[in-house]
Amino acid sequence: MKRIWKAAAVLAFSFPLTAAEFHIDPGRGSMENDGSREKPWSSLREVVAKDGLFTAGDRLVVHGGDHGAVLIRGRRNESPVTIVSADGETPVLRKLTIRESENWVIDGVTVTPTDEGSRSRNTLVEVGGDHIVIENCRIFTTENVSGWTLEDWNQKPCNGISLGGDDCTARGNTVRNINFGITASGGRARVIGNVIENFAGDGMRGLGDFGVFEGNTVRNCYNVNDNHDDGFQSWSRTRDGVGKGVVKGIVLRGNTIINRTDPDQPFRGPLQGIGCFDGFYQDWLIENNVVVVDHWHGITLMGARDCVIRNNTVIDIAPGKPGPTWIRIDPHKNKQASSGCLVVNNLAADFRVAPGNTRAHNVKPGDPDACFVDPASFDFHLRPGSSAIDAGGGDSFPETDADGKPRVSGKAVDAGAYEFQSR
């Protein structure tokens, strides 16, 4: 009998207890309740500020209403605590700050200031912990910026998401009407499938090592000040300053960067595409991206070692200067040479690759209407007879194109982000 009891005890402690689910509803909840669906707690701000209400692995379902400015501090979980929006409801956080915490998932909430006075160019989602996931959220300064003046754009917009910890993820979020979009300064960040729309600074920034930026859409830059705006920007940094270190192992894959989608957009200006001017950048992979900008810098690395730029489509959105839009590798600003980089199977108006690096099988598309399906509508799939079809070469190309379809479909790999698919 004792052996049976001991075996049962071992089994009981070998499996985690079932995670609990609690409900939070500002409209009908109270902190005196038990957190059940029938008797929910009152607001997320109050719940995360109080110890002992939930534990690692639990699920906090947040219902519609104003949950206030939420601060999660000093909460390190052994397994993730998930904060998730109730089905069909819109819980609103005025701001979300996570500090000195670990293993949290924030899923499907809206983060926006709820009144004019609370817009002070804050960062709406500020992550200072590790293993934090922000996904499927709507993050914006205000719903509508159609009436904003130049002064409004310089004073009102908040920043979107800042991932300051290691192993953090921003996935499937919509970040709109902001200053800077998503900044990832921690190591091994994952920035996947987000939409960043209507911004006055940079769309994305990758400052930590081994980050992955994949499947994001960055569009509609508002040129309202002296900041040189980039769809994606990175720089190295040490205690000695900017451009004194190395950013390693970043992957930029399958992103779409568009200067502006409306030719009549107010405050439109020249957006740099992927602009990396203060290396060194080491062991980067830049592939299957579509970059559509009114600038010289489509993809530029200044100070690069052993980086691969392959199968990207880089388009100049407007004739004349600035432009034509190029893919470029230059020495570091301190004159140290870039070396060992490969620029292959790309489509762009111009290529400028410093000695010590390899350039091969790239194509200048010429007339965009002859090369692409519908460039006026930003459809840069290849049309039949395009000069990019079967124009690539070598053995360095992605297994799939920007749509996830296999390469190679013809005699050779196609140049650019899309492989022509015959019907």
Protein backbone atom coordinates (compact mmCIF):
# COMPACT_ATOMS: atom_id res chain seq x y z
CA MET A 1 0.00 0.00 0.00
CA LYS A 2 2.83 2.41 0.87
CA ARG A 3 4.44 1.73 -2.50
CA ILE A 4 1.17 2.53 -4.30
CA TRP A 5 0.78 5.78 -2.31
CA LYS A 6 4.36 6.80 -3.09
CA ALA A 7 3.87 6.08 -6.79
CA ALA A 8 0.70 8.16 -6.83
CA ALA A 9 2.51 11.00 -5.10
CA VAL A 10 5.33 10.92 -7.66
CA LEU A 11 2.80 11.05 -10.51
CA ALA A 12 0.96 13.93 -8.88
CA PHE A 13 4.11 16.01 -8.66
CA SER A 14 5.31 15.01 -12.15
CA PHE A 15 2.50 16.92 -13.88
CA PRO A 16 1.65 20.60 -13.44
CA LEU A 17 -1.63 21.52 -11.84
CA THR A 18 -4.36 22.64 -14.23
CA ALA A 19 -4.00 26.32 -15.03
CA ALA A 20 -6.78 28.52 -13.71
CA GLU A 21 -8.79 31.04 -15.72
CA PHE A 22 -9.88 34.35 -14.22
CA HIS A 23 -12.07 37.14 -15.60
CA ILE A 24 -11.57 40.90 -15.36
CA ASP A 25 -14.40 43.29 -16.27
CA PRO A 26 -14.25 47.03 -15.51
CA GLY A 27 -17.98 47.40 -16.12
CA ARG A 28 -19.30 44.91 -13.58
CA GLY A 29 -16.30 43.65 -11.62
CA SER A 30 -15.00 44.20 -8.10
CA MET A 31 -11.73 43.38 -6.39
CA GLU A 32 -13.88 41.79 -3.66
CA ASN A 33 -15.01 39.12 -6.14
CA ASP A 34 -13.37 35.74 -6.78
CA GLY A 35 -12.40 36.40 -10.43
CA SER A 36 -14.86 33.91 -11.90
CA ARG A 37 -16.86 34.63 -15.04
CA GLU A 38 -19.90 35.32 -12.85
CA LYS A 39 -17.95 37.43 -10.32
CA PRO A 40 -15.07 39.07 -12.21
CA TRP A 41 -12.39 41.34 -10.85
CA SER A 42 -12.55 45.01 -11.76
CA SER A 43 -9.54 46.06 -13.90
CA LEU A 44 -6.29 44.62 -15.17
CA ARG A 45 -4.36 47.50 -13.61
CA GLU A 46 -5.61 46.54 -10.15
CA VAL A 47 -5.24 42.79 -10.64
CA VAL A 48 -1.57 42.82 -11.67
CA ALA A 49 -0.75 45.25 -8.85
CA LYS A 50 -1.98 42.81 -6.19
CA ASP A 51 -0.05 39.71 -5.13
CA GLY A 52 -1.54 36.26 -4.75
CA LEU A 53 -4.47 36.47 -7.14
CA PHE A 54 -2.99 34.25 -9.86
CA THR A 55 0.08 32.13 -10.50
CA ALA A 56 2.33 30.89 -13.31
CA GLY A 57 0.43 29.31 -16.18
CA ASP A 58 -2.87 31.04 -15.40
CA ARG A 59 -5.04 32.80 -17.95
CA LEU A 60 -6.51 36.24 -17.34
CA VAL A 61 -9.47 37.01 -19.62
CA VAL A 62 -9.97 40.77 -19.94
CA HIS A 63 -13.40 42.07 -20.93
CA GLY A 64 -14.30 45.32 -22.67
CA GLY A 65 -13.77 48.67 -21.01
CA ASP A 66 -11.01 50.90 -19.67
CA HIS A 67 -8.36 48.93 -17.76
CA GLY A 68 -6.16 51.97 -17.14
CA ALA A 69 -2.38 52.27 -17.47
CA VAL A 70 -1.08 48.81 -16.62
CA LEU A 71 2.29 48.23 -14.92
CA ILE A 72 3.62 44.70 -14.48
CA ARG A 73 6.73 44.87 -12.31
CA GLY A 74 8.83 42.16 -10.69
CA ARG A 75 6.63 39.27 -11.85
CA ARG A 76 8.89 36.44 -13.04
CA ASN A 77 6.79 33.39 -13.93
CA GLU A 78 8.11 29.86 -14.41
CA SER A 79 5.55 29.38 -17.18
CA PRO A 80 3.64 32.05 -19.10
CA VAL A 81 0.73 33.97 -17.65
CA THR A 82 -1.59 34.87 -20.53
CA ILE A 83 -3.64 38.05 -20.64
CA VAL A 84 -6.18 37.62 -23.43
CA SER A 85 -9.12 39.61 -24.73
CA ALA A 86 -12.56 38.09 -24.23
CA ASP A 87 -14.12 36.97 -27.51
CA GLY A 88 -15.81 39.83 -29.34
CA GLU A 89 -14.88 42.45 -26.75
CA THR A 90 -12.48 45.41 -26.73
CA PRO A 91 -10.47 45.81 -23.55
CA VAL A 92 -8.51 49.09 -23.63
CA LEU A 93 -5.24 49.78 -21.86
CA ARG A 94 -4.03 53.37 -21.76
CA LYS A 95 -0.44 52.13 -21.63
CA LEU A 96 1.31 48.83 -20.93
CA THR A 97 4.66 48.72 -19.12
CA ILE A 98 6.43 45.47 -18.21
CA ARG A 99 9.57 45.69 -16.08
CA GLU A 100 11.78 43.12 -14.36
CA SER A 101 9.34 40.39 -15.35
CA GLU A 102 9.37 37.16 -17.33
CA ASN A 103 7.01 34.82 -19.18
CA TRP A 104 3.97 36.91 -20.05
CA VAL A 105 1.72 36.75 -23.11
CA ILE A 106 -0.48 39.75 -23.97
CA ASP A 107 -3.02 38.77 -26.62
CA GLY A 108 -5.64 40.83 -28.41
CA VAL A 109 -5.93 43.98 -26.32
CA THR A 110 -6.11 47.59 -27.50
CA VAL A 111 -3.51 50.02 -26.21
CA THR A 112 -4.24 53.71 -26.74
CA PRO A 113 -4.41 56.88 -24.64
CA THR A 114 -8.05 57.56 -23.84
CA ASP A 115 -7.88 61.33 -23.68
CA GLU A 116 -5.99 64.15 -25.37
CA GLY A 117 -4.09 65.11 -22.24
CA SER A 118 -2.51 61.67 -21.82
CA ARG A 119 -0.72 61.80 -25.17
CA SER A 120 2.78 62.85 -24.21
CA ARG A 121 4.82 60.91 -26.77
CA ASN A 122 5.05 57.93 -24.45
CA THR A 123 5.84 54.45 -25.65
CA LEU A 124 2.49 52.68 -25.53
CA VAL A 125 3.87 49.16 -25.01
CA GLU A 126 7.19 49.19 -23.16
CA VAL A 127 8.76 45.81 -22.41
CA GLY A 128 11.71 45.61 -20.02
CA GLY A 129 11.52 41.90 -19.22
CA ASP A 130 12.45 38.62 -20.91
CA HIS A 131 10.29 36.04 -22.71
CA ILE A 132 7.41 38.47 -23.25
CA VAL A 133 4.95 38.06 -26.15
CA ILE A 134 2.81 40.92 -27.47
CA GLU A 135 0.45 39.57 -30.12
CA ASN A 136 -2.73 40.42 -32.01
CA CYS A 137 -2.99 43.83 -30.34
CA ARG A 138 -4.17 47.17 -31.72
CA ILE A 139 -1.79 49.95 -30.71
CA PHE A 140 -2.35 53.54 -31.76
CA THR A 141 -2.17 57.15 -30.59
CA THR A 142 -5.58 57.99 -32.02
CA GLU A 143 -7.89 56.40 -34.57
CA ASN A 144 -7.80 59.24 -37.10
CA VAL A 145 -4.94 61.57 -38.06
CA SER A 146 -6.52 63.03 -41.20
CA GLY A 147 -6.79 66.46 -39.60
CA TRP A 148 -3.38 66.55 -37.95
CA THR A 149 -1.21 69.56 -38.66
CA LEU A 150 2.57 69.63 -38.81
CA GLU A 151 2.57 70.76 -35.18
CA ASP A 152 0.25 67.89 -34.23
CA TRP A 153 2.58 65.33 -35.82
CA ASN A 154 5.52 66.74 -33.88
CA GLN A 155 3.75 66.85 -30.52
CA LYS A 156 1.07 64.17 -30.33
CA PRO A 157 2.11 60.77 -31.64
CA CYS A 158 3.26 58.10 -29.19
CA ASN A 159 5.76 55.37 -29.99
CA GLY A 160 4.35 51.89 -30.56
CA ILE A 161 6.24 48.93 -29.08
CA SER A 162 9.66 48.76 -27.42
CA LEU A 163 11.11 45.29 -26.77
CA GLY A 164 13.98 45.91 -24.37
CA GLY A 165 14.40 42.41 -22.94
CA ASP A 166 15.75 39.20 -24.42
CA ASP A 167 13.70 36.57 -26.26
CA CYS A 168 10.69 38.85 -26.72
CA THR A 169 8.12 38.68 -29.52
CA ALA A 170 5.83 41.18 -31.25
CA ARG A 171 3.53 39.20 -33.54
CA GLY A 172 0.44 40.05 -35.55
CA ASN A 173 -0.05 43.52 -34.10
CA THR A 174 -1.41 46.61 -35.83
CA VAL A 175 0.56 49.72 -34.85
CA ARG A 176 -0.91 52.93 -36.30
CA ASN A 177 -0.67 56.69 -36.15
CA ILE A 178 2.54 56.80 -34.18
CA ASN A 179 6.03 58.26 -34.10
CA PHE A 180 8.35 55.23 -34.04
CA GLY A 181 6.75 51.84 -34.68
CA ILE A 182 8.51 48.79 -33.20
CA THR A 183 11.97 48.93 -31.62
CA ALA A 184 13.72 45.71 -30.58
CA SER A 185 16.89 46.31 -28.57
CA GLY A 186 17.08 42.99 -26.71
CA GLY A 187 18.65 39.81 -28.02
CA ARG A 188 16.82 37.24 -30.14
CA ALA A 189 13.74 39.39 -30.69
CA ARG A 190 10.99 38.11 -32.97
CA VAL A 191 9.04 40.78 -34.86
CA ILE A 192 6.65 38.82 -37.04
CA GLY A 193 3.63 39.71 -39.17
CA ASN A 194 2.93 43.18 -37.82
CA VAL A 195 1.43 46.15 -39.67
CA ILE A 196 3.01 49.54 -38.95
CA GLU A 197 1.05 52.31 -40.63
CA ASN A 198 1.22 56.11 -40.54
CA PHE A 199 4.45 56.90 -38.72
CA ALA A 200 6.70 59.94 -38.35
CA GLY A 201 9.97 58.28 -37.30
CA ASP A 202 11.22 54.80 -38.20
CA GLY A 203 8.92 51.89 -38.89
CA MET A 204 11.12 49.24 -37.26
CA ARG A 205 14.43 49.30 -35.42
CA GLY A 206 16.60 46.26 -34.74
CA LEU A 207 19.40 46.94 -32.28
CA GLY A 208 19.93 43.58 -30.56
CA ASP A 209 21.74 40.52 -31.87
CA PHE A 210 20.03 37.61 -33.66
CA GLY A 211 16.66 39.30 -34.15
CA VAL A 212 14.18 38.11 -36.78
CA PHE A 213 11.97 40.61 -38.60
CA GLU A 214 9.67 38.65 -40.87
CA GLY A 215 6.45 39.26 -42.78
CA ASN A 216 5.88 42.79 -41.53
CA THR A 217 4.24 45.59 -43.50
CA VAL A 218 5.53 49.13 -42.99
CA ARG A 219 3.74 51.88 -44.89
CA ASN A 220 2.95 55.59 -45.02
CA CYS A 221 5.73 57.71 -43.61
CA TYR A 222 4.95 61.30 -42.57
CA ASN A 223 7.91 63.61 -43.14
CA VAL A 224 7.39 66.25 -40.44
CA ASN A 225 10.84 66.97 -38.98
CA ASP A 226 14.59 66.48 -39.48
CA ASN A 227 14.62 62.78 -38.56
CA HIS A 228 15.83 60.70 -41.52
CA ASP A 229 12.98 58.22 -41.60
CA ASP A 230 13.61 54.54 -42.34
CA GLY A 231 11.36 51.57 -42.90
CA PHE A 232 13.94 49.59 -40.93
CA GLN A 233 17.01 50.97 -39.19
CA SER A 234 19.84 49.51 -37.13
CA TRP A 235 23.05 50.78 -35.61
CA SER A 236 25.74 49.31 -33.40
CA ARG A 237 26.42 50.79 -29.99
CA THR A 238 28.80 50.43 -27.10
CA ARG A 239 29.76 52.60 -24.17
CA ASP A 240 32.07 54.40 -26.59
CA GLY A 241 29.12 55.48 -28.73
CA VAL A 242 27.16 54.74 -31.88
CA GLY A 243 28.97 52.85 -34.64
CA LYS A 244 31.57 51.41 -32.27
CA GLY A 245 30.28 47.84 -32.01
CA VAL A 246 28.74 44.98 -33.97
CA VAL A 247 25.12 43.93 -34.53
CA LYS A 248 25.10 40.22 -35.29
CA GLY A 249 22.86 37.74 -37.01
CA ILE A 250 19.74 39.73 -37.85
CA VAL A 251 17.30 38.23 -40.36
CA LEU A 252 15.05 40.49 -42.45
CA ARG A 253 12.72 38.26 -44.44
CA GLY A 254 9.56 38.83 -46.43
CA ASN A 255 8.85 42.35 -45.23
CA THR A 256 7.04 44.98 -47.31
CA ILE A 257 8.08 48.62 -46.92
CA ILE A 258 6.08 51.25 -48.84
CA ASN A 259 6.88 54.96 -48.67
CA ARG A 260 3.25 55.97 -49.13
CA THR A 261 0.16 54.28 -50.55
CA ASP A 262 -1.71 57.51 -51.32
CA PRO A 263 0.01 59.97 -53.69
CA ASP A 264 -2.00 62.77 -52.07
CA GLN A 265 -0.97 61.90 -48.51
CA PRO A 266 -0.07 65.06 -46.56
CA PHE A 267 3.52 65.50 -45.38
CA ARG A 268 4.78 62.77 -47.68
CA GLY A 269 8.53 62.68 -48.10
CA PRO A 270 11.51 60.47 -48.90
CA LEU A 271 11.59 57.28 -46.83
CA GLN A 272 14.79 55.26 -46.67
CA GLY A 273 14.02 51.56 -46.97
CA ILE A 274 16.42 49.36 -45.00
CA GLY A 275 18.96 51.91 -43.78
CA CYS A 276 21.90 50.67 -41.72
CA PHE A 277 24.58 53.35 -41.58
CA ASP A 278 26.55 52.71 -38.37
CA GLY A 279 27.90 49.16 -38.39
CA PHE A 280 29.44 46.83 -38.16
CA TYR A 281 26.71 44.44 -39.27
CA GLN A 282 27.81 40.81 -39.22
CA ASP A 283 26.19 37.62 -40.54
CA TRP A 284 22.92 39.26 -41.59
CA LEU A 285 20.43 37.69 -43.99
CA ILE A 286 18.17 40.03 -45.97
CA GLU A 287 15.86 38.14 -48.34
CA ASN A 288 12.45 38.23 -50.04
CA ASN A 289 11.72 41.82 -49.03
CA VAL A 290 9.78 44.32 -51.15
CA VAL A 291 11.00 47.88 -50.65
CA VAL A 292 9.15 50.72 -52.43
CA VAL A 293 10.56 54.14 -51.56
CA ASP A 294 11.35 57.57 -52.95
CA HIS A 295 15.01 57.60 -51.97
CA TRP A 296 18.47 56.39 -52.95
CA HIS A 297 18.66 54.02 -50.00
CA GLY A 298 16.57 50.96 -50.79
CA ILE A 299 18.84 48.58 -48.88
CA THR A 300 22.11 50.03 -47.58
CA LEU A 301 24.67 48.55 -45.19
CA MET A 302 27.64 50.72 -44.20
CA GLY A 303 30.15 48.50 -42.46
CA ALA A 304 29.15 44.89 -43.18
CA ARG A 305 30.84 41.52 -42.84
CA ASP A 306 29.59 38.21 -44.23
CA CYS A 307 26.07 39.47 -44.89
CA VAL A 308 23.78 38.05 -47.59
CA ILE A 309 21.30 40.23 -49.51
CA ARG A 310 19.32 38.03 -51.88
CA ASN A 311 16.07 37.95 -53.82
CA ASN A 312 14.77 41.36 -52.79
CA THR A 313 12.63 43.66 -54.95
CA VAL A 314 13.61 47.31 -54.52
CA ILE A 315 11.52 49.90 -56.36
CA ASP A 316 11.79 53.66 -56.83
CA ILE A 317 8.25 54.97 -56.27
CA ALA A 318 8.83 58.26 -58.15
CA PRO A 319 11.08 59.42 -60.98
CA GLY A 320 13.88 61.92 -60.45
CA LYS A 321 15.73 62.78 -57.28
CA PRO A 322 16.15 61.38 -54.74
CA GLY A 323 16.97 58.19 -56.56
CA PRO A 324 17.40 55.87 -58.32
CA THR A 325 16.84 53.45 -55.47
CA TRP A 326 19.78 51.14 -54.90
CA ILE A 327 21.08 48.15 -53.01
CA ARG A 328 24.42 49.20 -51.59
CA ILE A 329 27.28 47.95 -49.41
CA ASP A 330 29.82 50.56 -48.37
CA PRO A 331 32.72 50.76 -45.95
CA HIS A 332 32.05 51.75 -42.36
CA LYS A 333 32.00 55.49 -41.70
CA ASN A 334 35.41 55.05 -40.04
CA LYS A 335 36.73 53.81 -43.43
CA GLN A 336 37.06 50.16 -42.37
CA ALA A 337 36.21 47.94 -45.32
CA SER A 338 33.12 45.81 -45.68
CA SER A 339 33.99 42.24 -46.63
CA GLY A 340 32.65 38.82 -47.46
CA CYS A 341 29.12 39.95 -48.35
CA LEU A 342 26.99 38.50 -51.14
CA VAL A 343 24.45 40.52 -53.15
CA VAL A 344 22.65 38.10 -55.46
CA ASN A 345 19.40 37.58 -57.38
CA ASN A 346 17.92 40.96 -56.51
CA LEU A 347 15.78 43.39 -58.51
CA ALA A 348 16.69 47.07 -58.13
CA ALA A 349 17.33 50.18 -60.19
CA ASP A 350 20.98 50.34 -59.13
CA PHE A 351 23.63 48.28 -57.32
CA ARG A 352 26.71 49.65 -55.59
CA VAL A 353 28.80 47.02 -53.90
CA ALA A 354 32.21 47.85 -52.45
CA PRO A 355 35.30 45.79 -53.37
CA GLY A 356 35.83 42.69 -51.26
CA ASN A 357 32.19 41.65 -51.65
CA THR A 358 30.38 39.65 -54.34
CA ARG A 359 27.64 40.88 -56.66
CA ALA A 360 25.98 38.41 -59.03
CA HIS A 361 22.81 37.68 -61.02
CA ASN A 362 21.06 40.93 -60.10
CA VAL A 363 18.59 42.57 -62.48
CA LYS A 364 17.61 46.17 -63.20
CA PRO A 365 13.91 45.89 -64.05
CA GLY A 366 13.61 48.77 -66.51
CA ASP A 367 9.98 49.56 -67.36
CA PRO A 368 8.02 48.48 -64.26
CA ASP A 369 4.84 47.91 -66.27
CA ALA A 370 6.67 45.35 -68.40
CA CYS A 371 8.20 43.62 -65.39
CA PHE A 372 5.44 43.55 -62.76
CA VAL A 373 1.74 42.67 -62.64
CA ASP A 374 0.43 46.04 -61.39
CA PRO A 375 3.09 48.36 -59.96
CA ALA A 376 0.63 51.24 -59.61
CA SER A 377 -1.29 49.11 -57.09
CA PHE A 378 1.93 47.84 -55.45
CA ASP A 379 1.61 44.36 -56.94
CA PHE A 380 5.21 43.44 -57.73
CA HIS A 381 4.62 39.84 -58.71
CA LEU A 382 6.26 39.08 -62.04
CA ARG A 383 4.18 39.27 -65.18
CA PRO A 384 4.69 36.82 -68.07
CA GLY A 385 7.74 37.82 -70.07
CA SER A 386 9.31 39.77 -67.21
CA SER A 387 13.06 40.26 -67.48
CA ALA A 388 13.42 38.85 -63.95
CA ILE A 389 12.09 35.39 -64.83
CA ASP A 390 14.89 32.78 -64.82
CA ALA A 391 17.39 35.64 -64.54
CA GLY A 392 18.89 34.55 -61.23
CA GLY A 393 21.65 32.06 -60.67
CA GLY A 394 24.02 30.39 -58.29
CA ASP A 395 23.05 28.32 -55.30
CA SER A 396 22.26 31.09 -52.81
CA PHE A 397 18.52 31.69 -52.82
CA PRO A 398 15.66 31.03 -50.37
CA GLU A 399 13.71 27.79 -50.60
CA THR A 400 10.49 29.80 -50.96
CA ASP A 401 9.58 33.26 -52.21
CA ALA A 402 7.83 36.10 -50.35
CA ASP A 403 4.49 34.29 -50.73
CA GLY A 404 5.89 31.06 -49.34
CA LYS A 405 5.79 29.40 -52.76
CA PRO A 406 8.68 27.17 -53.79
CA ARG A 407 11.65 28.24 -55.80
CA VAL A 408 12.60 27.26 -58.52
CA SER A 409 9.56 27.07 -60.85
CA GLY A 410 11.34 27.52 -64.19
CA LYS A 411 14.77 26.94 -65.71
CA ALA A 412 16.49 29.00 -63.02
CA VAL A 413 15.61 31.00 -59.95
CA ASP A 414 13.89 34.31 -60.65
CA ALA A 415 15.38 37.58 -59.49
CA GLY A 416 13.49 39.49 -56.82
CA ALA A 417 11.14 38.63 -53.99
CA TYR A 418 8.56 36.70 -56.05
CA GLU A 419 8.99 33.57 -58.13
CA PHE A 420 6.86 33.59 -61.27
CA GLN A 421 4.13 30.97 -61.01
CA SER A 422 2.77 29.84 -64.36
CA ARG A 423 -0.93 29.06 -64.34
